[in-house]
Protein backbone atom coordinates (compact mmCIF):
# COMPACT_ATOMS: atom_id res chain seq x y z
CA MET A 1 194.04 120.17 123.17
CA GLN A 2 190.97 119.19 121.16
CA SER A 3 192.90 116.71 119.01
CA TYR A 4 194.38 115.09 122.13
CA MET A 5 190.92 114.64 123.62
CA THR A 6 189.58 113.30 120.35
CA ARG A 7 192.42 110.78 120.10
CA ARG A 8 191.95 109.82 123.76
CA HIS A 9 188.22 109.25 123.33
CA GLY A 10 188.84 107.28 120.14
CA ARG A 11 191.33 105.07 121.98
CA GLU A 12 188.91 104.55 124.88
CA LEU A 13 186.12 103.68 122.45
CA ARG A 14 188.36 101.17 120.69
CA VAL A 15 189.36 99.51 123.96
CA ALA A 16 185.76 99.28 125.20
CA SER A 17 184.54 97.94 121.85
CA ALA A 18 187.35 95.40 121.61
CA GLY A 19 186.57 94.25 125.14
CA MET A 20 182.89 93.78 124.28
CA VAL A 21 183.69 91.83 121.11
CA ALA A 22 186.24 89.66 122.98
CA ILE A 23 183.75 88.85 125.74
CA ALA A 24 181.04 88.04 123.18
CA ALA A 25 183.45 85.72 121.36
CA ALA A 26 184.55 83.98 124.58
CA TRP A 27 181.12 83.87 126.27
CA PRO A 28 180.27 80.22 125.41
CA ILE A 29 183.53 78.92 126.87
CA LEU A 30 183.43 80.96 130.07
CA PRO A 31 183.05 78.65 133.08
CA VAL A 32 180.62 81.01 134.85
CA HIS A 33 178.20 83.49 133.37
CA PRO A 34 177.39 86.50 135.52
CA ALA A 35 173.77 86.67 136.57
CA VAL A 36 172.54 89.91 135.05
CA ALA A 37 168.89 90.61 135.69
CA CYS A 38 166.91 93.35 134.00
CA PRO A 39 165.59 95.62 136.77
CA LEU A 40 162.37 96.43 134.88
CA ARG A 41 161.61 92.80 134.09
CA SER A 42 162.48 91.73 137.65
CA ALA A 43 160.15 94.34 139.14
CA THR A 44 157.24 94.21 136.68
CA GLY A 45 157.62 91.10 134.52
CA VAL A 46 157.66 93.32 131.41
CA PRO A 47 160.82 93.11 129.30
CA CYS A 48 162.71 96.34 128.63
CA PRO A 49 163.78 97.39 125.11
CA LEU A 50 167.25 95.94 125.66
CA CYS A 51 166.22 92.59 127.16
CA GLY A 52 168.02 89.84 125.26
CA ILE A 53 170.78 92.11 123.95
CA THR A 54 173.61 90.11 125.58
CA ARG A 55 172.40 86.86 124.02
CA ALA A 56 171.84 88.66 120.71
CA VAL A 57 175.39 90.06 120.58
CA VAL A 58 176.90 86.69 121.54
CA ALA A 59 174.83 84.91 118.87
CA ALA A 60 175.81 87.52 116.25
CA ALA A 61 179.49 87.23 117.20
CA HIS A 62 179.28 83.51 116.51
CA GLY A 63 177.49 83.93 113.19
CA HIS A 64 174.03 82.86 114.38
CA VAL A 65 172.15 85.69 112.70
CA VAL A 66 168.64 84.22 112.99
CA ALA A 67 169.08 83.51 116.71
CA SER A 68 170.51 86.98 117.23
CA LEU A 69 167.51 88.57 115.54
CA ALA A 70 165.15 86.46 117.66
CA PHE A 71 166.81 87.53 120.92
CA ASN A 72 166.91 91.24 120.03
CA PRO A 73 167.27 92.83 116.56
CA ALA A 74 169.63 95.45 117.97
CA GLY A 75 172.28 92.82 118.77
CA ILE A 76 173.62 92.73 115.23
CA VAL A 77 173.64 96.53 115.09
CA VAL A 78 175.51 96.75 118.40
CA LEU A 79 178.12 94.27 117.17
CA LEU A 80 178.55 96.11 113.86
CA VAL A 81 178.92 99.45 115.66
CA ALA A 82 181.55 97.89 117.93
CA VAL A 83 183.51 96.60 114.93
CA VAL A 84 183.31 100.03 113.27
CA ALA A 85 184.46 101.61 116.55
CA ILE A 86 187.50 99.33 116.57
CA LEU A 87 188.42 99.86 112.93
CA ARG A 88 187.25 103.45 112.24
CA PRO A 89 186.21 105.33 115.43
CA ALA A 90 186.21 108.63 113.53
CA TRP A 91 183.24 107.41 111.47
CA LEU A 92 181.15 107.19 114.64
CA ALA A 93 182.30 110.64 115.76
CA ARG A 94 180.93 112.10 112.51
CA LEU A 95 177.62 110.25 112.78
CA GLN A 96 174.77 112.54 113.78
CA LEU A 97 171.31 111.14 114.24
CA PRO A 98 168.28 113.30 114.97
CA ALA A 99 167.19 113.29 118.61
CA TRP A 100 163.82 111.71 117.80
CA SER A 101 165.50 108.66 116.23
CA PHE A 102 166.65 107.43 119.65
CA LEU A 103 163.07 107.38 120.93
CA ALA A 104 161.87 105.70 117.73
CA ILE A 105 164.52 102.97 118.02
CA VAL A 106 163.83 102.35 121.71
CA GLY A 107 160.08 102.26 121.02
CA ALA A 108 160.49 99.80 118.15
CA LEU A 109 162.68 97.52 120.29
CA TRP A 110 160.15 97.64 123.10
CA VAL A 111 157.30 96.74 120.75
CA TRP A 112 159.44 93.87 119.42
CA ASN A 113 160.26 92.54 122.89
CA ILE A 114 156.71 92.78 124.21
CA GLY A 115 154.80 91.69 121.13
CA PHE A 116 156.98 89.56 118.90
CA ASN A 117 160.09 88.35 120.70
CA PRO A 118 159.75 84.56 121.00
CA THR A 119 161.43 84.69 124.42
CA PHE A 120 159.02 87.18 126.00
CA HIS A 121 155.74 87.39 124.05
CA GLN A 122 154.30 84.33 125.78
CA LEU A 123 154.35 86.37 129.01
CA LEU A 124 151.50 88.48 127.64
CA VAL A 125 149.54 85.57 126.17
CA ARG A 126 148.83 83.88 129.52
């Protein structure tokens, strides 16, 4: 039963990752872009750690690395993880990060978005 569940989760991960990569590749030619607003930024004006991630993944998918890094440094990482999930989902299953690393990554992204992100840092300069 375990191997069935592992194969099923691997297949689901591949499908979700392939869908994300396909949407990122097709994003510029879509006739309508869904209006996705960050709840934290809408309520407080402060960007969340993931603000800009959609634009970052789309830019990375189209080879615009500098723009992707400016929007959110995690965009390139998200795209690379998606590609690995499509090609080798078992690699991600074996990956084990310490629990504190998640908080460190989220904290670093938040510091980037609030202090250095060219899209948002001018909000704090006013």
